């Protein structure tokens, strides 16, 4: 049981580390913030290419840092943890 938790924590920290290694991902998370944003709002706010935005946003969604609900991007608990880590 403890080994499973340790394994989960390890992969959790690896995901957080990978997310925090990318300046673009950090910018996206910071821009979404605790209130959420639409994709269009993000596009206007960040000076990154459409490809970079889509690539990194897709990664953040796939890895569980961001969810999209009714056209609005929101941070998950992991996303908020990443936001607070700066």
C-alpha atoms as a PDB file:
ATOM      1  CA  UNK A   1       0.000   0.000   0.000  1.00  0.00           C
ATOM      2  CA  UNK A   2       2.702   2.489   0.982  1.00  0.00           C
ATOM      3  CA  UNK A   3       4.740   1.534  -2.094  1.00  0.00           C
ATOM      4  CA  UNK A   4       1.773   2.416  -4.332  1.00  0.00           C
ATOM      5  CA  UNK A   5       1.437   5.837  -2.717  1.00  0.00           C
ATOM      6  CA  UNK A   6       5.177   6.390  -3.038  1.00  0.00           C
ATOM      7  CA  UNK A   7       5.014   5.402  -6.715  1.00  0.00           C
ATOM      8  CA  UNK A   8       2.085   7.773  -7.293  1.00  0.00           C
ATOM      9  CA  UNK A   9       3.929  10.579  -5.521  1.00  0.00           C
ATOM     10  CA  UNK A  10       7.004   9.912  -7.638  1.00  0.00           C
ATOM     11  CA  UNK A  11       5.065  10.081 -10.920  1.00  0.00           C
ATOM     12  CA  UNK A  12       3.149  13.106  -9.594  1.00  0.00           C
ATOM     13  CA  UNK A  13       6.414  14.930  -8.912  1.00  0.00           C
ATOM     14  CA  UNK A  14       7.835  13.906 -12.293  1.00  0.00           C
ATOM     15  CA  UNK A  15       4.743  15.334 -14.032  1.00  0.00           C
ATOM     16  CA  UNK A  16       4.962  18.550 -12.003  1.00  0.00           C
ATOM     17  CA  UNK A  17       8.657  18.811 -12.819  1.00  0.00           C
ATOM     18  CA  UNK A  18       8.050  18.253 -16.551  1.00  0.00           C
ATOM     19  CA  UNK A  19       5.297  20.846 -16.546  1.00  0.00           C
ATOM     20  CA  UNK A  20       7.410  23.387 -14.680  1.00  0.00           C
ATOM     21  CA  UNK A  21      10.388  22.881 -17.019  1.00  0.00           C
ATOM     22  CA  UNK A  22       8.514  24.549 -19.860  1.00  0.00           C
ATOM     23  CA  UNK A  23       8.257  28.354 -19.737  1.00  0.00           C
ATOM     24  CA  UNK A  24       5.297  28.201 -22.151  1.00  0.00           C
ATOM     25  CA  UNK A  25       3.422  25.743 -19.923  1.00  0.00           C
ATOM     26  CA  UNK A  26       4.087  27.923 -16.893  1.00  0.00           C
ATOM     27  CA  UNK A  27       2.793  30.970 -18.828  1.00  0.00           C
ATOM     28  CA  UNK A  28      -0.360  29.075 -19.836  1.00  0.00           C
ATOM     29  CA  UNK A  29      -1.040  27.930 -16.259  1.00  0.00           C
ATOM     30  CA  UNK A  30      -0.437  31.453 -14.920  1.00  0.00           C
ATOM     31  CA  UNK A  31      -2.709  32.965 -17.593  1.00  0.00           C
ATOM     32  CA  UNK A  32      -5.550  30.514 -16.869  1.00  0.00           C
ATOM     33  CA  UNK A  33      -5.160  31.256 -13.168  1.00  0.00           C
ATOM     34  CA  UNK A  34      -7.800  30.361 -10.617  1.00  0.00           C
ATOM     35  CA  UNK A  35     -10.664  31.922 -12.574  1.00  0.00           C
ATOM     36  CA  UNK A  36     -10.216  30.131 -15.895  1.00  0.00           C
ATOM     37  CA  UNK A  37      -9.965  31.444 -19.454  1.00  0.00           C
ATOM     38  CA  UNK A  38     -11.201  30.605 -22.930  1.00  0.00           C
ATOM     39  CA  UNK A  39      -8.749  29.504 -25.629  1.00  0.00           C
ATOM     40  CA  UNK A  40      -9.283  32.839 -27.407  1.00  0.00           C
ATOM     41  CA  UNK A  41      -8.475  34.803 -24.253  1.00  0.00           C
ATOM     42  CA  UNK A  42      -5.292  32.766 -23.833  1.00  0.00           C
ATOM     43  CA  UNK A  43      -4.333  33.336 -27.460  1.00  0.00           C
ATOM     44  CA  UNK A  44      -4.733  37.104 -27.052  1.00  0.00           C
ATOM     45  CA  UNK A  45      -2.890  37.204 -23.750  1.00  0.00           C
ATOM     46  CA  UNK A  46       0.141  35.066 -24.593  1.00  0.00           C
ATOM     47  CA  UNK A  47       2.663  35.865 -27.272  1.00  0.00           C
ATOM     48  CA  UNK A  48       3.129  32.288 -28.438  1.00  0.00           C
ATOM     49  CA  UNK A  49       2.341  30.705 -31.796  1.00  0.00           C
ATOM     50  CA  UNK A  50      -0.929  28.825 -32.290  1.00  0.00           C
ATOM     51  CA  UNK A  51       1.087  25.622 -32.578  1.00  0.00           C
ATOM     52  CA  UNK A  52       2.948  26.223 -29.300  1.00  0.00           C
ATOM     53  CA  UNK A  53      -0.267  27.083 -27.519  1.00  0.00           C
ATOM     54  CA  UNK A  54      -2.119  24.023 -28.824  1.00  0.00           C
ATOM     55  CA  UNK A  55       0.823  21.652 -28.274  1.00  0.00           C
ATOM     56  CA  UNK A  56       1.423  22.749 -24.680  1.00  0.00           C
ATOM     57  CA  UNK A  57      -2.244  23.130 -23.789  1.00  0.00           C
ATOM     58  CA  UNK A  58      -2.967  19.620 -25.099  1.00  0.00           C
ATOM     59  CA  UNK A  59      -0.077  18.330 -22.978  1.00  0.00           C
ATOM     60  CA  UNK A  60      -1.394  20.094 -19.852  1.00  0.00           C
ATOM     61  CA  UNK A  61      -4.883  18.665 -20.455  1.00  0.00           C
ATOM     62  CA  UNK A  62      -3.558  15.156 -21.146  1.00  0.00           C
ATOM     63  CA  UNK A  63      -1.377  15.218 -18.019  1.00  0.00           C
ATOM     64  CA  UNK A  64      -4.254  16.426 -15.855  1.00  0.00           C
ATOM     65  CA  UNK A  65      -3.217  20.008 -15.075  1.00  0.00           C
ATOM     66  CA  UNK A  66      -6.014  21.659 -17.058  1.00  0.00           C
ATOM     67  CA  UNK A  67      -9.603  20.699 -17.910  1.00  0.00           C
ATOM     68  CA  UNK A  68     -11.908  22.259 -20.470  1.00  0.00           C
ATOM     69  CA  UNK A  69     -15.516  22.734 -19.383  1.00  0.00           C
ATOM     70  CA  UNK A  70     -18.110  24.483 -21.547  1.00  0.00           C
ATOM     71  CA  UNK A  71     -15.469  26.282 -23.584  1.00  0.00           C
ATOM     72  CA  UNK A  72     -13.542  27.447 -20.519  1.00  0.00           C
ATOM     73  CA  UNK A  73     -10.116  26.201 -19.502  1.00  0.00           C
ATOM     74  CA  UNK A  74      -9.685  25.616 -15.784  1.00  0.00           C
ATOM     75  CA  UNK A  75      -6.858  24.416 -13.589  1.00  0.00           C
ATOM     76  CA  UNK A  76      -7.199  21.097 -11.769  1.00  0.00           C
ATOM     77  CA  UNK A  77      -5.770  20.643  -8.247  1.00  0.00           C
ATOM     78  CA  UNK A  78      -2.459  19.699  -9.900  1.00  0.00           C
ATOM     79  CA  UNK A  79      -2.678  22.803 -12.067  1.00  0.00           C
ATOM     80  CA  UNK A  80      -3.208  24.966  -8.991  1.00  0.00           C
ATOM     81  CA  UNK A  81      -0.236  23.286  -7.321  1.00  0.00           C
ATOM     82  CA  UNK A  82       1.843  24.137 -10.398  1.00  0.00           C
ATOM     83  CA  UNK A  83       0.533  27.723 -10.340  1.00  0.00           C
ATOM     84  CA  UNK A  84       1.484  28.114  -6.680  1.00  0.00           C
ATOM     85  CA  UNK A  85       4.930  26.646  -7.325  1.00  0.00           C
ATOM     86  CA  UNK A  86       5.393  29.509  -9.798  1.00  0.00           C
END
